[in-house]
Amino acid sequence: MFRRMFWFLTGAATGVWATVKVNRAVRRLSPESLAAKSADRALETGARLRLFARDVRAGMAQREGELQDALGLTGRDQPKVLPAGGDRTTALPAGDDTAGRPGRTSDLPAARRGITYNAHDRKDDH
């Protein structure tokens, strides 16, 4: 009698255990659960990418500062860089806002206006 009772209880416990496991798997693999898990992982990935981008920007700013210090470009007389044709090709001295106006500094030769040309612009070499 005890042997039968033991096997009956063992079977019942195994059935309950198996039912709980199957129900958990069904809930975990349901479309709503998969969508929620995907959304959570997408948010986590987005947060990691934002942190990575912030670290990259901080590293870029630090390296730019190091390069400016090494090249001696940290002074107050640093020229303003104006885009021309989509790239940085000309620079005007700080405070020179009269360039391009007729009868003003634009009538002076380029060297006297403070305009410098990009050394990497190879369009004139060909």
N, C-alpha and C. Protein backbone atom coordinates (compact mmCIF):
# COMPACT_ATOMS: atom_id res chain seq x y z
N MET A 1 0.79 -1.18 0.00
CA MET A 1 0.00 0.00 0.00
C MET A 1 0.85 1.27 0.00
N PHE A 2 1.91 1.28 0.82
CA PHE A 2 2.77 2.45 0.82
C PHE A 2 3.49 2.61 -0.51
N ARG A 3 3.81 1.47 -1.12
CA ARG A 3 4.48 1.53 -2.41
C ARG A 3 3.57 2.16 -3.45
N ARG A 4 2.32 1.81 -3.48
CA ARG A 4 1.36 2.40 -4.43
C ARG A 4 1.17 3.89 -4.15
N MET A 5 1.07 4.24 -2.88
CA MET A 5 0.91 5.63 -2.50
C MET A 5 2.14 6.44 -2.94
N PHE A 6 3.33 5.89 -2.74
CA PHE A 6 4.57 6.57 -3.14
C PHE A 6 4.57 6.85 -4.64
N TRP A 7 4.25 5.83 -5.44
CA TRP A 7 4.29 6.02 -6.89
C TRP A 7 3.16 6.94 -7.36
N PHE A 8 2.03 6.90 -6.70
CA PHE A 8 0.95 7.83 -7.06
C PHE A 8 1.37 9.27 -6.81
N LEU A 9 1.94 9.56 -5.64
CA LEU A 9 2.38 10.91 -5.31
C LEU A 9 3.55 11.36 -6.21
N THR A 10 4.45 10.44 -6.52
CA THR A 10 5.56 10.77 -7.42
C THR A 10 5.03 11.13 -8.80
N GLY A 11 4.07 10.41 -9.30
CA GLY A 11 3.46 10.69 -10.60
C GLY A 11 2.72 12.02 -10.58
N ALA A 12 1.99 12.29 -9.50
CA ALA A 12 1.25 13.55 -9.39
C ALA A 12 2.22 14.73 -9.35
N ALA A 13 3.28 14.62 -8.58
CA ALA A 13 4.28 15.70 -8.50
C ALA A 13 4.95 15.91 -9.85
N THR A 14 5.26 14.85 -10.54
CA THR A 14 5.89 14.96 -11.86
C THR A 14 4.92 15.62 -12.85
N GLY A 15 3.66 15.30 -12.77
CA GLY A 15 2.65 15.91 -13.63
C GLY A 15 2.51 17.39 -13.37
N VAL A 16 2.49 17.78 -12.09
CA VAL A 16 2.40 19.20 -11.74
C VAL A 16 3.64 19.94 -12.24
N TRP A 17 4.81 19.35 -12.00
CA TRP A 17 6.07 19.97 -12.44
C TRP A 17 6.08 20.16 -13.96
N ALA A 18 5.69 19.11 -14.70
CA ALA A 18 5.68 19.18 -16.16
C ALA A 18 4.66 20.21 -16.64
N THR A 19 3.50 20.29 -16.02
CA THR A 19 2.48 21.27 -16.41
C THR A 19 2.98 22.69 -16.20
N VAL A 20 3.63 22.95 -15.07
CA VAL A 20 4.16 24.28 -14.79
C VAL A 20 5.22 24.64 -15.83
N LYS A 21 6.11 23.71 -16.13
CA LYS A 21 7.17 23.97 -17.12
C LYS A 21 6.58 24.26 -18.49
N VAL A 22 5.61 23.51 -18.92
CA VAL A 22 4.99 23.70 -20.23
C VAL A 22 4.27 25.05 -20.28
N ASN A 23 3.54 25.40 -19.22
CA ASN A 23 2.83 26.69 -19.21
C ASN A 23 3.81 27.85 -19.25
N ARG A 24 4.92 27.76 -18.54
CA ARG A 24 5.94 28.82 -18.59
C ARG A 24 6.52 28.96 -20.00
N ALA A 25 6.78 27.83 -20.64
CA ALA A 25 7.33 27.86 -22.00
C ALA A 25 6.33 28.47 -22.98
N VAL A 26 5.06 28.12 -22.82
CA VAL A 26 4.02 28.67 -23.70
C VAL A 26 3.92 30.19 -23.52
N ARG A 27 3.94 30.66 -22.25
CA ARG A 27 3.89 32.10 -22.01
C ARG A 27 5.13 32.80 -22.55
N ARG A 28 6.29 32.17 -22.38
CA ARG A 28 7.53 32.78 -22.83
C ARG A 28 7.59 32.86 -24.37
N LEU A 29 6.97 31.91 -25.05
CA LEU A 29 7.01 31.88 -26.51
C LEU A 29 5.76 32.46 -27.16
N SER A 30 4.90 33.10 -26.41
CA SER A 30 3.72 33.71 -26.99
C SER A 30 4.14 34.97 -27.77
N PRO A 31 3.35 35.37 -28.77
CA PRO A 31 3.70 36.55 -29.56
C PRO A 31 3.85 37.82 -28.72
N GLU A 32 3.00 38.01 -27.72
CA GLU A 32 3.09 39.20 -26.88
C GLU A 32 4.40 39.22 -26.09
N SER A 33 4.76 38.07 -25.55
CA SER A 33 5.99 37.98 -24.78
C SER A 33 7.21 38.20 -25.67
N LEU A 34 7.19 37.61 -26.86
CA LEU A 34 8.31 37.80 -27.79
C LEU A 34 8.42 39.25 -28.22
N ALA A 35 7.28 39.91 -28.44
CA ALA A 35 7.30 41.33 -28.83
C ALA A 35 7.84 42.19 -27.69
N ALA A 36 7.42 41.90 -26.46
CA ALA A 36 7.91 42.67 -25.32
C ALA A 36 9.40 42.46 -25.13
N LYS A 37 9.86 41.22 -25.29
CA LYS A 37 11.29 40.93 -25.14
C LYS A 37 12.09 41.63 -26.24
N SER A 38 11.57 41.63 -27.46
CA SER A 38 12.25 42.32 -28.56
C SER A 38 12.32 43.83 -28.31
N ALA A 39 11.22 44.40 -27.83
CA ALA A 39 11.20 45.83 -27.54
C ALA A 39 12.19 46.18 -26.44
N ASP A 40 12.26 45.35 -25.40
CA ASP A 40 13.21 45.60 -24.31
C ASP A 40 14.65 45.54 -24.82
N ARG A 41 14.93 44.56 -25.65
CA ARG A 41 16.29 44.43 -26.18
C ARG A 41 16.63 45.58 -27.13
N ALA A 42 15.63 46.05 -27.89
CA ALA A 42 15.87 47.19 -28.77
C ALA A 42 16.17 48.44 -27.95
N LEU A 43 15.43 48.65 -26.88
CA LEU A 43 15.70 49.80 -26.00
C LEU A 43 17.07 49.70 -25.35
N GLU A 44 17.43 48.50 -24.94
CA GLU A 44 18.74 48.28 -24.33
C GLU A 44 19.85 48.55 -25.34
N THR A 45 19.66 48.07 -26.56
CA THR A 45 20.65 48.31 -27.61
C THR A 45 20.75 49.79 -27.93
N GLY A 46 19.62 50.49 -28.00
CA GLY A 46 19.64 51.93 -28.25
C GLY A 46 20.39 52.67 -27.15
N ALA A 47 20.17 52.27 -25.90
CA ALA A 47 20.89 52.91 -24.79
C ALA A 47 22.38 52.67 -24.90
N ARG A 48 22.76 51.45 -25.25
CA ARG A 48 24.20 51.15 -25.41
C ARG A 48 24.81 51.95 -26.56
N LEU A 49 24.06 52.10 -27.65
CA LEU A 49 24.56 52.88 -28.78
C LEU A 49 24.70 54.36 -28.40
N ARG A 50 23.76 54.89 -27.63
CA ARG A 50 23.87 56.28 -27.18
C ARG A 50 25.09 56.47 -26.29
N LEU A 51 25.34 55.51 -25.39
CA LEU A 51 26.52 55.58 -24.54
C LEU A 51 27.80 55.52 -25.38
N PHE A 52 27.80 54.63 -26.38
CA PHE A 52 28.96 54.51 -27.26
C PHE A 52 29.19 55.82 -28.02
N ALA A 53 28.12 56.39 -28.56
CA ALA A 53 28.26 57.65 -29.31
C ALA A 53 28.75 58.77 -28.40
N ARG A 54 28.26 58.81 -27.15
CA ARG A 54 28.72 59.83 -26.21
C ARG A 54 30.20 59.65 -25.90
N ASP A 55 30.64 58.40 -25.74
CA ASP A 55 32.05 58.14 -25.48
C ASP A 55 32.91 58.52 -26.68
N VAL A 56 32.40 58.24 -27.89
CA VAL A 56 33.15 58.60 -29.10
C VAL A 56 33.27 60.11 -29.21
N ARG A 57 32.17 60.84 -28.97
CA ARG A 57 32.21 62.30 -29.04
C ARG A 57 33.17 62.88 -28.00
N ALA A 58 33.17 62.30 -26.80
CA ALA A 58 34.08 62.77 -25.75
C ALA A 58 35.52 62.51 -26.16
N GLY A 59 35.78 61.34 -26.72
CA GLY A 59 37.13 61.03 -27.19
C GLY A 59 37.56 61.93 -28.33
N MET A 60 36.62 62.23 -29.23
CA MET A 60 36.94 63.13 -30.34
C MET A 60 37.28 64.52 -29.83
N ALA A 61 36.49 65.01 -28.88
CA ALA A 61 36.73 66.35 -28.33
C ALA A 61 38.08 66.39 -27.60
N GLN A 62 38.37 65.33 -26.86
CA GLN A 62 39.65 65.28 -26.15
C GLN A 62 40.82 65.27 -27.14
N ARG A 63 40.70 64.43 -28.16
CA ARG A 63 41.79 64.34 -29.15
C ARG A 63 41.93 65.65 -29.93
N GLU A 64 40.80 66.30 -30.25
CA GLU A 64 40.85 67.58 -30.95
C GLU A 64 41.57 68.62 -30.10
N GLY A 65 41.27 68.61 -28.80
CA GLY A 65 41.96 69.52 -27.89
C GLY A 65 43.45 69.24 -27.83
N GLU A 66 43.82 67.96 -27.80
CA GLU A 66 45.23 67.59 -27.79
C GLU A 66 45.93 68.06 -29.06
N LEU A 67 45.26 67.87 -30.19
CA LEU A 67 45.85 68.29 -31.47
C LEU A 67 45.96 69.81 -31.54
N GLN A 68 44.95 70.52 -31.07
CA GLN A 68 45.03 71.98 -31.07
C GLN A 68 46.14 72.47 -30.17
N ASP A 69 46.31 71.84 -29.02
CA ASP A 69 47.41 72.21 -28.13
C ASP A 69 48.76 71.93 -28.80
N ALA A 70 48.87 70.78 -29.45
CA ALA A 70 50.13 70.40 -30.09
C ALA A 70 50.47 71.33 -31.26
N LEU A 71 49.44 71.80 -31.96
CA LEU A 71 49.67 72.66 -33.12
C LEU A 71 49.64 74.14 -32.74
N GLY A 72 49.35 74.45 -31.50
CA GLY A 72 49.31 75.84 -31.06
C GLY A 72 48.12 76.61 -31.59
N LEU A 73 46.98 75.96 -31.73
CA LEU A 73 45.78 76.60 -32.28
C LEU A 73 44.80 77.01 -31.19
N THR A 74 45.22 77.10 -29.95
CA THR A 74 44.29 77.39 -28.87
C THR A 74 44.22 78.87 -28.53
N GLY A 75 44.91 79.72 -29.26
CA GLY A 75 44.93 81.16 -28.97
C GLY A 75 43.64 81.84 -29.35
N ARG A 76 43.52 83.14 -28.99
CA ARG A 76 42.32 83.91 -29.29
C ARG A 76 42.25 84.33 -30.75
N ASP A 77 43.37 84.41 -31.43
CA ASP A 77 43.39 84.86 -32.82
C ASP A 77 43.11 83.73 -33.79
N GLN A 78 42.41 82.74 -33.36
CA GLN A 78 42.09 81.60 -34.19
C GLN A 78 41.09 82.04 -35.27
N PRO A 79 41.34 81.73 -36.56
CA PRO A 79 40.44 82.18 -37.62
C PRO A 79 39.11 81.44 -37.60
N LYS A 80 38.07 82.12 -38.05
CA LYS A 80 36.77 81.49 -38.24
C LYS A 80 36.81 80.74 -39.56
N VAL A 81 36.34 79.53 -39.59
CA VAL A 81 36.34 78.74 -40.81
C VAL A 81 34.96 78.82 -41.43
N LEU A 82 34.92 79.20 -42.69
CA LEU A 82 33.67 79.31 -43.41
C LEU A 82 33.60 78.21 -44.46
N PRO A 83 32.46 77.53 -44.58
CA PRO A 83 32.35 76.51 -45.62
C PRO A 83 32.17 77.16 -46.99
N ALA A 84 32.87 76.64 -47.97
CA ALA A 84 32.72 77.11 -49.35
C ALA A 84 32.68 75.87 -50.24
N GLY A 85 31.56 75.64 -50.86
CA GLY A 85 31.43 74.48 -51.73
C GLY A 85 31.31 73.18 -50.96
N GLY A 86 30.83 73.23 -49.71
CA GLY A 86 30.62 72.01 -48.96
C GLY A 86 31.80 71.59 -48.13
N ASP A 87 32.96 72.22 -48.28
CA ASP A 87 34.09 71.86 -47.45
C ASP A 87 34.75 73.11 -46.89
N ARG A 88 35.65 72.96 -45.97
CA ARG A 88 36.30 74.11 -45.34
C ARG A 88 37.52 74.48 -46.17
N THR A 89 37.38 75.52 -46.99
CA THR A 89 38.50 75.90 -47.85
C THR A 89 39.01 77.29 -47.57
N THR A 90 38.22 78.15 -46.94
CA THR A 90 38.68 79.51 -46.68
C THR A 90 38.54 79.81 -45.21
N ALA A 91 39.39 80.70 -44.73
CA ALA A 91 39.31 81.12 -43.33
C ALA A 91 39.49 82.61 -43.27
N LEU A 92 38.71 83.26 -42.44
CA LEU A 92 38.81 84.70 -42.25
C LEU A 92 39.30 84.96 -40.84
N PRO A 93 40.04 86.02 -40.61
CA PRO A 93 40.45 86.33 -39.25
C PRO A 93 39.24 86.60 -38.37
N ALA A 94 39.36 86.31 -37.10
CA ALA A 94 38.24 86.52 -36.18
C ALA A 94 37.85 87.99 -36.16
N GLY A 95 36.55 88.26 -36.22
CA GLY A 95 36.06 89.62 -36.18
C GLY A 95 35.94 90.27 -37.55
N ASP A 96 36.31 89.59 -38.62
CA ASP A 96 36.21 90.19 -39.96
C ASP A 96 34.88 89.79 -40.57
N ASP A 97 33.86 90.60 -40.36
CA ASP A 97 32.54 90.29 -40.90
C ASP A 97 32.22 91.12 -42.14
N THR A 98 33.21 91.83 -42.70
CA THR A 98 32.96 92.68 -43.86
C THR A 98 33.34 91.99 -45.16
N ALA A 99 33.85 90.79 -45.09
CA ALA A 99 34.25 90.09 -46.32
C ALA A 99 33.03 89.82 -47.19
N GLY A 100 33.17 89.96 -48.45
CA GLY A 100 32.09 89.70 -49.39
C GLY A 100 31.23 90.91 -49.67
N ARG A 101 31.40 92.01 -48.98
CA ARG A 101 30.63 93.22 -49.25
C ARG A 101 31.42 94.09 -50.23
N PRO A 102 30.76 94.62 -51.24
CA PRO A 102 31.47 95.46 -52.22
C PRO A 102 32.07 96.70 -51.55
N GLY A 103 33.30 97.04 -51.95
CA GLY A 103 33.96 98.22 -51.44
C GLY A 103 34.58 98.01 -50.07
N ARG A 104 34.56 96.82 -49.57
CA ARG A 104 35.13 96.55 -48.24
C ARG A 104 36.38 95.69 -48.40
N THR A 105 36.61 94.81 -47.43
CA THR A 105 37.82 93.99 -47.46
C THR A 105 37.87 93.05 -48.66
N SER A 106 36.74 92.77 -49.28
CA SER A 106 36.77 91.85 -50.42
C SER A 106 37.51 92.47 -51.61
N ASP A 107 37.74 93.82 -51.61
CA ASP A 107 38.49 94.44 -52.69
C ASP A 107 40.00 94.27 -52.51
N LEU A 108 40.42 93.83 -51.32
CA LEU A 108 41.84 93.63 -51.06
C LEU A 108 42.30 92.29 -51.65
N PRO A 109 43.59 92.15 -51.91
CA PRO A 109 44.10 90.84 -52.35
C PRO A 109 43.82 89.79 -51.27
N ALA A 110 43.78 88.54 -51.68
CA ALA A 110 43.43 87.45 -50.77
C ALA A 110 44.36 87.40 -49.57
N ALA A 111 45.66 87.60 -49.77
CA ALA A 111 46.62 87.52 -48.66
C ALA A 111 46.36 88.62 -47.63
N ARG A 112 45.93 89.80 -48.04
CA ARG A 112 45.68 90.90 -47.11
C ARG A 112 44.34 90.73 -46.41
N ARG A 113 43.38 90.02 -47.04
CA ARG A 113 42.08 89.78 -46.41
C ARG A 113 42.18 88.69 -45.36
N GLY A 114 43.27 87.94 -45.34
CA GLY A 114 43.42 86.85 -44.37
C GLY A 114 42.84 85.54 -44.86
N ILE A 115 42.57 85.44 -46.16
CA ILE A 115 42.01 84.21 -46.70
C ILE A 115 43.15 83.24 -46.95
N THR A 116 43.00 82.04 -46.44
CA THR A 116 43.98 81.00 -46.70
C THR A 116 43.28 79.88 -47.45
N TYR A 117 44.03 79.13 -48.18
CA TYR A 117 43.46 78.05 -48.98
C TYR A 117 43.86 76.72 -48.40
N ASN A 118 42.97 75.77 -48.51
CA ASN A 118 43.19 74.44 -47.96
C ASN A 118 44.29 73.76 -48.76
N ALA A 119 45.33 73.27 -48.07
CA ALA A 119 46.45 72.61 -48.74
C ALA A 119 46.03 71.28 -49.33
N HIS A 120 44.93 70.71 -48.85
CA HIS A 120 44.49 69.41 -49.33
C HIS A 120 43.54 69.53 -50.52
N ASP A 121 43.22 70.74 -50.93
CA ASP A 121 42.35 70.94 -52.07
C ASP A 121 43.19 70.83 -53.33
N ARG A 122 43.14 69.71 -54.00
CA ARG A 122 44.02 69.44 -55.14
C ARG A 122 43.37 69.75 -56.49
N LYS A 123 42.29 70.51 -56.50
CA LYS A 123 41.60 70.80 -57.75
C LYS A 123 42.48 71.65 -58.68
N ASP A 124 43.32 72.50 -58.09
CA ASP A 124 44.17 73.39 -58.90
C ASP A 124 45.38 72.67 -59.46
N ASP A 125 45.71 71.47 -58.94
CA ASP A 125 46.89 70.76 -59.40
C ASP A 125 46.69 70.07 -60.74
N HIS A 126 45.47 69.87 -61.16
CA HIS A 126 45.22 69.10 -62.38
C HIS A 126 45.01 69.99 -63.57
